[in-house]
Amino acid sequence: MPLLLFLCAAVSILTTIGIVVTLLTETYHFFREIPIFEFLTGRKWSPLIPPVSYGILPLLSGTLLITVIACVVAIPIGLASAIYLSEYAPSSVRRVVKPILEVLAGVPTIVYGYFALTLVTPLLREIFPQMGVFNALSAGIVVGIMIIPMVCSLSEDAMSAVPRSLRDGAYALGATRLEVALRIVVPAAFSGIVASAVLAFSRAIGETMIVTVAAGSTPKLTANPLESIQTMTAYIVQVSLGDTPRGSLEYGSIFAVGMTLFVITFLLNILAQYVARRFREEY
């Protein structure tokens, strides 16, 4: 039995090693043809249409634009929801509201994509007539809606772990419920809240189907959320449809972009773990 359990645990490790080896191997072949400095600093991404160019900055800017919009939506709403569930909601309400909120995490992302394209975008175009059908704002908002349950659930768990004695002491000193929530509970649960925000940021960076459907496929170095952009994940989907010959530069660019995405999310996960350890309160 111990051997069986060890083999089960080893599956995830071996899978991770296989993914990293594959990415490194194909990325190495790609960078034998394209200088890494040109890849990281180039301002034009056009690997499929001559004249070809392999500067990843347009894809990176599109990815960060979507992610920032998503976090602006998800973090305040998720944190406010967590404060309500932890400090205000009766237990009967919490048992109903929290599972309903977490249902959002089970909705397929392709459904979110068409929700953004067919409902959110038309509503936004009533406000911004110059907005295109495919745009970063609509996709970012819906990605934010998708990651609200992650922020809310992790933050609420961190707040629930704060001892009741800290709340009771604050109430005894005359603090209101809002003051207890904002000045006692949130600072005490700060490490868990920040970790949830960083993990949500990482989740938004890796989102694929919403941005593929709603954000467009125009790699553009822009900060205008009303324009069509392309993210790193959307490019991988575009080139992975089966028309790109194996071994070509276009094929290798998939793994170079994937490796860039892997490094970013890996660093964000390390940051989340560091923050959780650095600011953890022991009670």
C-alpha atoms as a PDB file:
ATOM      1  CA  MET A   1       0.000   0.000   0.000  1.00  0.00           C
ATOM      2  CA  PRO A   2       2.757   2.600   0.761  1.00  0.00           C
ATOM      3  CA  LEU A   3       4.280   1.856  -2.650  1.00  0.00           C
ATOM      4  CA  LEU A   4       0.921   2.405  -4.355  1.00  0.00           C
ATOM      5  CA  LEU A   5       0.442   5.707  -2.551  1.00  0.00           C
ATOM      6  CA  PHE A   6       3.966   6.769  -3.529  1.00  0.00           C
ATOM      7  CA  LEU A   7       3.276   5.956  -7.185  1.00  0.00           C
ATOM      8  CA  CYS A   8       0.072   7.999  -7.079  1.00  0.00           C
ATOM      9  CA  ALA A   9       1.980  10.933  -5.626  1.00  0.00           C
ATOM     10  CA  ALA A  10       4.729  10.511  -8.210  1.00  0.00           C
ATOM     11  CA  VAL A  11       2.288  10.868 -11.107  1.00  0.00           C
ATOM     12  CA  SER A  12       1.938  14.629 -10.606  1.00  0.00           C
ATOM     13  CA  ILE A  13       5.717  15.055 -10.244  1.00  0.00           C
ATOM     14  CA  LEU A  14       6.453  13.043 -13.386  1.00  0.00           C
ATOM     15  CA  THR A  15       3.763  14.921 -15.302  1.00  0.00           C
ATOM     16  CA  THR A  16       5.274  18.268 -14.307  1.00  0.00           C
ATOM     17  CA  ILE A  17       8.746  17.085 -15.298  1.00  0.00           C
ATOM     18  CA  GLY A  18       7.410  15.880 -18.665  1.00  0.00           C
ATOM     19  CA  ILE A  19       5.737  19.218 -19.369  1.00  0.00           C
ATOM     20  CA  VAL A  20       8.865  21.194 -18.452  1.00  0.00           C
ATOM     21  CA  VAL A  21      11.139  18.944 -20.543  1.00  0.00           C
ATOM     22  CA  THR A  22       8.847  19.249 -23.561  1.00  0.00           C
ATOM     23  CA  LEU A  23       8.679  23.027 -23.249  1.00  0.00           C
ATOM     24  CA  LEU A  24      12.424  23.376 -22.780  1.00  0.00           C
ATOM     25  CA  THR A  25      13.270  21.096 -25.701  1.00  0.00           C
ATOM     26  CA  GLU A  26      10.997  22.781 -28.234  1.00  0.00           C
ATOM     27  CA  THR A  27      11.826  26.254 -26.927  1.00  0.00           C
ATOM     28  CA  TYR A  28      15.537  25.546 -27.303  1.00  0.00           C
ATOM     29  CA  HIS A  29      15.048  24.612 -30.975  1.00  0.00           C
ATOM     30  CA  PHE A  30      13.033  27.803 -31.506  1.00  0.00           C
ATOM     31  CA  PHE A  31      15.683  30.050 -29.966  1.00  0.00           C
ATOM     32  CA  ARG A  32      18.357  28.477 -32.144  1.00  0.00           C
ATOM     33  CA  GLU A  33      16.639  30.284 -35.028  1.00  0.00           C
ATOM     34  CA  ILE A  34      15.255  33.395 -33.307  1.00  0.00           C
ATOM     35  CA  PRO A  35      17.434  35.411 -30.902  1.00  0.00           C
ATOM     36  CA  ILE A  36      15.934  35.466 -27.435  1.00  0.00           C
ATOM     37  CA  PHE A  37      16.589  39.209 -27.123  1.00  0.00           C
ATOM     38  CA  GLU A  38      14.547  39.858 -30.263  1.00  0.00           C
ATOM     39  CA  PHE A  39      11.797  37.610 -28.911  1.00  0.00           C
ATOM     40  CA  LEU A  40      11.595  39.394 -25.565  1.00  0.00           C
ATOM     41  CA  THR A  41      11.928  42.977 -26.793  1.00  0.00           C
ATOM     42  CA  GLY A  42      10.319  42.951 -30.251  1.00  0.00           C
ATOM     43  CA  ARG A  43       7.279  45.201 -30.642  1.00  0.00           C
ATOM     44  CA  LYS A  44       5.613  43.280 -33.480  1.00  0.00           C
ATOM     45  CA  TRP A  45       4.198  39.760 -33.442  1.00  0.00           C
ATOM     46  CA  SER A  46       3.486  38.355 -36.900  1.00  0.00           C
ATOM     47  CA  PRO A  47       4.736  34.753 -37.168  1.00  0.00           C
ATOM     48  CA  LEU A  48       2.175  33.656 -39.778  1.00  0.00           C
ATOM     49  CA  ILE A  49       2.014  36.609 -42.188  1.00  0.00           C
ATOM     50  CA  PRO A  50       5.132  37.890 -44.046  1.00  0.00           C
ATOM     51  CA  PRO A  51       7.200  39.759 -43.148  1.00  0.00           C
ATOM     52  CA  VAL A  52       7.412  37.512 -40.102  1.00  0.00           C
ATOM     53  CA  SER A  53       8.268  38.980 -36.713  1.00  0.00           C
ATOM     54  CA  TYR A  54       8.597  37.277 -33.343  1.00  0.00           C
ATOM     55  CA  GLY A  55       8.439  40.050 -30.752  1.00  0.00           C
ATOM     56  CA  ILE A  56       6.283  38.844 -27.863  1.00  0.00           C
ATOM     57  CA  LEU A  57       5.560  42.260 -26.325  1.00  0.00           C
ATOM     58  CA  PRO A  58       2.162  42.651 -28.097  1.00  0.00           C
ATOM     59  CA  LEU A  59       1.009  39.276 -26.738  1.00  0.00           C
ATOM     60  CA  LEU A  60       2.397  40.073 -23.302  1.00  0.00           C
ATOM     61  CA  SER A  61       0.715  43.485 -23.191  1.00  0.00           C
ATOM     62  CA  GLY A  62      -2.614  41.976 -24.273  1.00  0.00           C
ATOM     63  CA  THR A  63      -2.340  39.299 -21.592  1.00  0.00           C
ATOM     64  CA  LEU A  64      -1.509  41.830 -18.872  1.00  0.00           C
ATOM     65  CA  LEU A  65      -4.301  44.162 -20.017  1.00  0.00           C
ATOM     66  CA  ILE A  66      -6.891  41.398 -19.681  1.00  0.00           C
ATOM     67  CA  THR A  67      -5.428  40.323 -16.343  1.00  0.00           C
ATOM     68  CA  VAL A  68      -5.417  43.819 -14.835  1.00  0.00           C
ATOM     69  CA  ILE A  69      -9.036  44.417 -15.867  1.00  0.00           C
ATOM     70  CA  ALA A  70     -10.021  41.033 -14.433  1.00  0.00           C
ATOM     71  CA  CYS A  71      -8.308  41.736 -11.111  1.00  0.00           C
ATOM     72  CA  VAL A  72      -9.881  45.202 -10.865  1.00  0.00           C
ATOM     73  CA  VAL A  73     -13.255  43.458 -11.164  1.00  0.00           C
ATOM     74  CA  ALA A  74     -12.603  40.324  -9.119  1.00  0.00           C
ATOM     75  CA  ILE A  75     -10.521  41.457  -6.134  1.00  0.00           C
ATOM     76  CA  PRO A  76     -12.836  44.188  -4.730  1.00  0.00           C
ATOM     77  CA  ILE A  77     -16.010  42.150  -5.345  1.00  0.00           C
ATOM     78  CA  GLY A  78     -14.456  38.915  -4.090  1.00  0.00           C
ATOM     79  CA  LEU A  79     -13.032  40.565  -0.977  1.00  0.00           C
ATOM     80  CA  ALA A  80     -16.311  42.359  -0.209  1.00  0.00           C
ATOM     81  CA  SER A  81     -18.189  39.069  -0.635  1.00  0.00           C
ATOM     82  CA  ALA A  82     -15.733  37.342   1.684  1.00  0.00           C
ATOM     83  CA  ILE A  83     -16.156  40.050   4.338  1.00  0.00           C
ATOM     84  CA  TYR A  84     -19.932  39.694   4.128  1.00  0.00           C
ATOM     85  CA  LEU A  85     -19.843  35.897   4.383  1.00  0.00           C
ATOM     86  CA  SER A  86     -17.320  35.944   7.226  1.00  0.00           C
ATOM     87  CA  GLU A  87     -18.577  38.840   9.339  1.00  0.00           C
ATOM     88  CA  TYR A  88     -22.180  39.639   8.457  1.00  0.00           C
ATOM     89  CA  ALA A  89     -23.999  36.636   6.990  1.00  0.00           C
ATOM     90  CA  PRO A  90     -25.880  34.314   9.360  1.00  0.00           C
ATOM     91  CA  SER A  91     -24.811  30.693   9.139  1.00  0.00           C
ATOM     92  CA  SER A  92     -28.027  29.771   7.311  1.00  0.00           C
ATOM     93  CA  VAL A  93     -27.336  32.404   4.643  1.00  0.00           C
ATOM     94  CA  ARG A  94     -23.682  31.414   4.380  1.00  0.00           C
ATOM     95  CA  ARG A  95     -24.588  27.793   3.732  1.00  0.00           C
ATOM     96  CA  VAL A  96     -26.711  28.899   0.770  1.00  0.00           C
ATOM     97  CA  VAL A  97     -24.774  31.846  -0.655  1.00  0.00           C
ATOM     98  CA  LYS A  98     -21.277  30.363  -0.668  1.00  0.00           C
ATOM     99  CA  PRO A  99     -22.146  27.237  -2.714  1.00  0.00           C
ATOM    100  CA  ILE A 100     -24.123  29.391  -5.163  1.00  0.00           C
ATOM    101  CA  LEU A 101     -21.171  31.733  -5.552  1.00  0.00           C
ATOM    102  CA  GLU A 102     -18.819  28.833  -6.117  1.00  0.00           C
ATOM    103  CA  VAL A 103     -21.063  27.485  -8.875  1.00  0.00           C
ATOM    104  CA  LEU A 104     -19.458  30.195 -11.037  1.00  0.00           C
ATOM    105  CA  ALA A 105     -16.195  28.241 -10.835  1.00  0.00           C
ATOM    106  CA  GLY A 106     -17.895  25.222 -12.415  1.00  0.00           C
ATOM    107  CA  VAL A 107     -19.207  27.013 -15.500  1.00  0.00           C
ATOM    108  CA  PRO A 108     -17.180  26.049 -18.620  1.00  0.00           C
ATOM    109  CA  THR A 109     -15.007  28.916 -19.758  1.00  0.00           C
ATOM    110  CA  ILE A 110     -16.283  28.656 -23.331  1.00  0.00           C
ATOM    111  CA  VAL A 111     -19.720  29.577 -21.961  1.00  0.00           C
ATOM    112  CA  TYR A 112     -18.188  32.635 -20.309  1.00  0.00           C
ATOM    113  CA  GLY A 113     -16.632  33.531 -23.654  1.00  0.00           C
ATOM    114  CA  TYR A 114     -19.927  33.552 -25.503  1.00  0.00           C
ATOM    115  CA  PHE A 115     -21.528  35.350 -22.555  1.00  0.00           C
ATOM    116  CA  ALA A 116     -18.937  38.107 -23.015  1.00  0.00           C
ATOM    117  CA  LEU A 117     -19.409  38.201 -26.787  1.00  0.00           C
ATOM    118  CA  THR A 118     -23.210  38.110 -26.943  1.00  0.00           C
ATOM    119  CA  LEU A 119     -24.276  39.995 -23.790  1.00  0.00           C
ATOM    120  CA  VAL A 120     -21.473  41.999 -22.184  1.00  0.00           C
ATOM    121  CA  THR A 121     -20.026  43.431 -25.403  1.00  0.00           C
ATOM    122  CA  PRO A 122     -23.389  44.732 -26.748  1.00  0.00           C
ATOM    123  CA  LEU A 123     -24.070  46.390 -23.382  1.00  0.00           C
ATOM    124  CA  LEU A 124     -20.644  48.021 -23.352  1.00  0.00           C
ATOM    125  CA  ARG A 125     -21.064  49.220 -26.939  1.00  0.00           C
ATOM    126  CA  GLU A 126     -24.095  51.193 -25.790  1.00  0.00           C
ATOM    127  CA  ILE A 127     -21.687  53.103 -23.543  1.00  0.00           C
ATOM    128  CA  PHE A 128     -18.666  53.093 -25.881  1.00  0.00           C
ATOM    129  CA  PRO A 129     -19.965  53.202 -29.469  1.00  0.00           C
ATOM    130  CA  GLN A 130     -16.414  53.149 -30.865  1.00  0.00           C
ATOM    131  CA  MET A 131     -15.725  49.784 -29.224  1.00  0.00           C
ATOM    132  CA  GLY A 132     -15.166  46.863 -31.586  1.00  0.00           C
ATOM    133  CA  VAL A 133     -17.010  43.553 -31.420  1.00  0.00           C
ATOM    134  CA  PHE A 134     -13.825  41.947 -30.114  1.00  0.00           C
ATOM    135  CA  ASN A 135     -12.201  43.927 -27.318  1.00  0.00           C
ATOM    136  CA  ALA A 136     -10.163  43.588 -24.161  1.00  0.00           C
ATOM    137  CA  LEU A 137     -12.654  45.274 -21.821  1.00  0.00           C
ATOM    138  CA  SER A 138     -15.467  42.778 -22.261  1.00  0.00           C
ATOM    139  CA  ALA A 139     -13.137  39.798 -22.025  1.00  0.00           C
ATOM    140  CA  GLY A 140     -11.385  41.224 -18.952  1.00  0.00           C
ATOM    141  CA  ILE A 141     -14.655  41.882 -17.130  1.00  0.00           C
ATOM    142  CA  VAL A 142     -15.894  38.344 -17.725  1.00  0.00           C
ATOM    143  CA  VAL A 143     -12.555  36.805 -16.728  1.00  0.00           C
ATOM    144  CA  GLY A 144     -12.905  38.838 -13.530  1.00  0.00           C
ATOM    145  CA  ILE A 145     -16.391  37.431 -12.955  1.00  0.00           C
ATOM    146  CA  MET A 146     -14.994  33.938 -13.447  1.00  0.00           C
ATOM    147  CA  ILE A 147     -12.271  34.323 -10.784  1.00  0.00           C
ATOM    148  CA  ILE A 148     -14.491  36.000  -8.165  1.00  0.00           C
ATOM    149  CA  PRO A 149     -15.198  32.626  -6.465  1.00  0.00           C
ATOM    150  CA  MET A 150     -11.451  31.987  -6.086  1.00  0.00           C
ATOM    151  CA  VAL A 151     -10.829  35.332  -4.391  1.00  0.00           C
ATOM    152  CA  CYS A 152     -13.955  35.056  -2.252  1.00  0.00           C
ATOM    153  CA  SER A 153     -13.462  31.465  -1.130  1.00  0.00           C
ATOM    154  CA  LEU A 154      -9.777  31.756  -0.245  1.00  0.00           C
ATOM    155  CA  SER A 155     -10.241  35.118   1.463  1.00  0.00           C
ATOM    156  CA  GLU A 156     -13.259  33.898   3.433  1.00  0.00           C
ATOM    157  CA  ASP A 157     -11.315  30.836   4.595  1.00  0.00           C
ATOM    158  CA  ALA A 158      -8.485  33.103   5.775  1.00  0.00           C
ATOM    159  CA  MET A 159     -10.907  35.372   7.641  1.00  0.00           C
ATOM    160  CA  SER A 160     -12.707  32.460   9.242  1.00  0.00           C
ATOM    161  CA  ALA A 161      -9.371  31.269  10.650  1.00  0.00           C
ATOM    162  CA  VAL A 162      -8.987  34.503  12.665  1.00  0.00           C
ATOM    163  CA  PRO A 163      -9.744  33.682  16.320  1.00  0.00           C
ATOM    164  CA  ARG A 164     -13.079  34.807  17.702  1.00  0.00           C
ATOM    165  CA  SER A 165     -11.297  36.312  20.705  1.00  0.00           C
ATOM    166  CA  LEU A 166      -9.824  39.097  18.529  1.00  0.00           C
ATOM    167  CA  ARG A 167     -13.300  40.068  17.378  1.00  0.00           C
ATOM    168  CA  ASP A 168     -14.732  39.918  20.891  1.00  0.00           C
ATOM    169  CA  GLY A 169     -11.920  42.098  22.240  1.00  0.00           C
ATOM    170  CA  ALA A 170     -12.581  44.728  19.563  1.00  0.00           C
ATOM    171  CA  TYR A 171     -16.317  44.679  20.256  1.00  0.00           C
ATOM    172  CA  ALA A 172     -15.607  45.082  23.978  1.00  0.00           C
ATOM    173  CA  LEU A 173     -13.660  48.242  23.192  1.00  0.00           C
ATOM    174  CA  GLY A 174     -16.661  49.684  21.349  1.00  0.00           C
ATOM    175  CA  ALA A 175     -15.719  48.924  17.729  1.00  0.00           C
ATOM    176  CA  THR A 176     -18.488  48.556  15.168  1.00  0.00           C
ATOM    177  CA  ARG A 177     -18.858  45.460  13.034  1.00  0.00           C
ATOM    178  CA  LEU A 178     -17.383  47.264  10.007  1.00  0.00           C
ATOM    179  CA  GLU A 179     -14.405  48.478  12.051  1.00  0.00           C
ATOM    180  CA  VAL A 180     -13.800  44.955  13.310  1.00  0.00           C
ATOM    181  CA  ALA A 181     -13.933  43.594   9.770  1.00  0.00           C
ATOM    182  CA  LEU A 182     -11.634  46.211   8.220  1.00  0.00           C
ATOM    183  CA  ARG A 183      -9.226  46.899  11.095  1.00  0.00           C
ATOM    184  CA  ILE A 184      -9.003  43.548  12.859  1.00  0.00           C
ATOM    185  CA  VAL A 185     -10.051  40.656  10.638  1.00  0.00           C
ATOM    186  CA  VAL A 186      -8.669  41.829   7.283  1.00  0.00           C
ATOM    187  CA  PRO A 187      -5.190  42.715   8.648  1.00  0.00           C
ATOM    188  CA  ALA A 188      -5.084  39.433  10.572  1.00  0.00           C
ATOM    189  CA  ALA A 189      -5.986  37.482   7.425  1.00  0.00           C
ATOM    190  CA  PHE A 190      -3.790  39.628   5.182  1.00  0.00           C
ATOM    191  CA  SER A 191      -1.481  36.819   4.069  1.00  0.00           C
ATOM    192  CA  GLY A 192      -4.355  34.650   2.895  1.00  0.00           C
ATOM    193  CA  ILE A 193      -6.057  37.558   1.155  1.00  0.00           C
ATOM    194  CA  VAL A 194      -2.905  38.568  -0.717  1.00  0.00           C
ATOM    195  CA  ALA A 195      -2.211  34.954  -1.651  1.00  0.00           C
ATOM    196  CA  SER A 196      -5.739  34.659  -3.066  1.00  0.00           C
ATOM    197  CA  ALA A 197      -5.223  37.837  -5.103  1.00  0.00           C
ATOM    198  CA  VAL A 198      -1.914  36.603  -6.523  1.00  0.00           C
ATOM    199  CA  LEU A 199      -3.391  33.207  -7.381  1.00  0.00           C
ATOM    200  CA  ALA A 200      -6.349  34.935  -9.044  1.00  0.00           C
ATOM    201  CA  PHE A 201      -3.889  37.041 -11.053  1.00  0.00           C
ATOM    202  CA  SER A 202      -2.116  33.854 -12.107  1.00  0.00           C
ATOM    203  CA  ARG A 203      -5.425  32.227 -13.052  1.00  0.00           C
ATOM    204  CA  ALA A 204      -6.425  35.222 -15.160  1.00  0.00           C
ATOM    205  CA  ILE A 205      -3.107  35.182 -17.033  1.00  0.00           C
ATOM    206  CA  GLY A 206      -3.653  31.562 -18.013  1.00  0.00           C
ATOM    207  CA  GLU A 207      -7.278  31.930 -19.131  1.00  0.00           C
ATOM    208  CA  THR A 208      -7.780  30.731 -22.704  1.00  0.00           C
ATOM    209  CA  MET A 209     -11.286  30.325 -24.081  1.00  0.00           C
ATOM    210  CA  ILE A 210     -12.817  33.597 -22.866  1.00  0.00           C
ATOM    211  CA  VAL A 211     -10.082  35.689 -24.446  1.00  0.00           C
ATOM    212  CA  THR A 212     -10.044  33.551 -27.588  1.00  0.00           C
ATOM    213  CA  VAL A 213     -13.760  34.109 -28.165  1.00  0.00           C
ATOM    214  CA  ALA A 214     -14.218  37.677 -26.908  1.00  0.00           C
ATOM    215  CA  ALA A 215     -10.901  39.539 -27.129  1.00  0.00           C
ATOM    216  CA  GLY A 216     -10.021  38.862 -30.759  1.00  0.00           C
ATOM    217  CA  SER A 217      -6.817  37.745 -32.476  1.00  0.00           C
ATOM    218  CA  THR A 218      -5.051  41.017 -33.216  1.00  0.00           C
ATOM    219  CA  PRO A 219      -1.616  41.127 -31.546  1.00  0.00           C
ATOM    220  CA  LYS A 220      -1.287  44.800 -30.745  1.00  0.00           C
ATOM    221  CA  LEU A 221       0.919  46.725 -28.334  1.00  0.00           C
ATOM    222  CA  THR A 222      -1.778  48.900 -26.787  1.00  0.00           C
ATOM    223  CA  ALA A 223      -3.251  49.867 -23.428  1.00  0.00           C
ATOM    224  CA  ASN A 224      -6.656  50.744 -24.911  1.00  0.00           C
ATOM    225  CA  PRO A 225      -9.190  48.196 -23.566  1.00  0.00           C
ATOM    226  CA  LEU A 226     -11.688  49.088 -26.308  1.00  0.00           C
ATOM    227  CA  GLU A 227      -9.498  47.584 -29.033  1.00  0.00           C
ATOM    228  CA  SER A 228      -9.103  44.015 -30.198  1.00  0.00           C
ATOM    229  CA  ILE A 229      -5.991  42.354 -28.786  1.00  0.00           C
ATOM    230  CA  GLN A 230      -4.496  38.874 -28.569  1.00  0.00           C
ATOM    231  CA  THR A 231      -3.175  37.110 -25.494  1.00  0.00           C
ATOM    232  CA  MET A 232      -0.497  34.448 -25.272  1.00  0.00           C
ATOM    233  CA  THR A 233      -3.033  31.692 -24.655  1.00  0.00           C
ATOM    234  CA  ALA A 234      -5.226  32.831 -27.545  1.00  0.00           C
ATOM    235  CA  TYR A 235      -2.233  32.691 -29.890  1.00  0.00           C
ATOM    236  CA  ILE A 236      -1.449  29.139 -28.787  1.00  0.00           C
ATOM    237  CA  VAL A 237      -5.030  28.150 -29.584  1.00  0.00           C
ATOM    238  CA  GLN A 238      -4.868  29.875 -32.975  1.00  0.00           C
ATOM    239  CA  VAL A 239      -1.707  28.074 -34.085  1.00  0.00           C
ATOM    240  CA  SER A 240      -2.609  24.718 -32.526  1.00  0.00           C
ATOM    241  CA  LEU A 241      -5.541  24.073 -34.871  1.00  0.00           C
ATOM    242  CA  GLY A 242      -3.531  21.595 -36.969  1.00  0.00           C
ATOM    243  CA  ASP A 243      -2.480  23.718 -39.963  1.00  0.00           C
ATOM    244  CA  THR A 244       1.050  24.463 -38.729  1.00  0.00           C
ATOM    245  CA  PRO A 245       3.740  21.956 -39.838  1.00  0.00           C
ATOM    246  CA  ARG A 246       5.575  20.230 -37.029  1.00  0.00           C
ATOM    247  CA  GLY A 247       9.158  21.439 -36.722  1.00  0.00           C
ATOM    248  CA  SER A 248       8.520  24.814 -38.344  1.00  0.00           C
ATOM    249  CA  LEU A 249       9.283  28.132 -36.667  1.00  0.00           C
ATOM    250  CA  GLU A 250       5.559  28.783 -36.297  1.00  0.00           C
ATOM    251  CA  TYR A 251       5.230  25.451 -34.504  1.00  0.00           C
ATOM    252  CA  GLY A 252       8.180  26.272 -32.233  1.00  0.00           C
ATOM    253  CA  SER A 253       6.713  29.655 -31.395  1.00  0.00           C
ATOM    254  CA  ILE A 254       3.854  27.877 -29.585  1.00  0.00           C
ATOM    255  CA  PHE A 255       6.313  26.404 -27.102  1.00  0.00           C
ATOM    256  CA  ALA A 256       8.293  29.643 -26.762  1.00  0.00           C
ATOM    257  CA  VAL A 257       5.087  31.485 -25.864  1.00  0.00           C
ATOM    258  CA  GLY A 258       4.020  28.616 -23.605  1.00  0.00           C
ATOM    259  CA  MET A 259       7.375  28.669 -21.846  1.00  0.00           C
ATOM    260  CA  THR A 260       7.029  32.413 -21.258  1.00  0.00           C
ATOM    261  CA  LEU A 261       3.580  31.866 -19.798  1.00  0.00           C
ATOM    262  CA  PHE A 262       4.857  28.997 -17.657  1.00  0.00           C
ATOM    263  CA  VAL A 263       7.670  31.135 -16.217  1.00  0.00           C
ATOM    264  CA  ILE A 264       5.282  34.000 -15.393  1.00  0.00           C
ATOM    265  CA  THR A 265       2.746  31.788 -13.616  1.00  0.00           C
ATOM    266  CA  PHE A 266       5.519  29.878 -11.836  1.00  0.00           C
ATOM    267  CA  LEU A 267       6.975  33.114 -10.470  1.00  0.00           C
ATOM    268  CA  LEU A 268       3.526  34.294  -9.410  1.00  0.00           C
ATOM    269  CA  ASN A 269       2.917  31.058  -7.495  1.00  0.00           C
ATOM    270  CA  ILE A 270       6.274  31.443  -5.754  1.00  0.00           C
ATOM    271  CA  LEU A 271       5.313  35.017  -4.866  1.00  0.00           C
ATOM    272  CA  ALA A 272       1.983  33.829  -3.435  1.00  0.00           C
ATOM    273  CA  GLN A 273       3.723  31.241  -1.253  1.00  0.00           C
ATOM    274  CA  TYR A 274       6.300  33.791  -0.073  1.00  0.00           C
ATOM    275  CA  VAL A 275       3.612  36.325   0.841  1.00  0.00           C
ATOM    276  CA  ALA A 276       1.603  33.657   2.676  1.00  0.00           C
ATOM    277  CA  ARG A 277       4.653  32.665   4.738  1.00  0.00           C
ATOM    278  CA  ARG A 278       5.950  36.197   5.248  1.00  0.00           C
ATOM    279  CA  PHE A 279       2.733  37.700   6.599  1.00  0.00           C
ATOM    280  CA  ARG A 280       1.131  34.639   8.211  1.00  0.00           C
ATOM    281  CA  GLU A 281      -0.161  35.252  11.714  1.00  0.00           C
ATOM    282  CA  GLU A 282       0.101  32.370  14.184  1.00  0.00           C
ATOM    283  CA  TYR A 283      -2.634  32.115  16.801  1.00  0.00           C
END
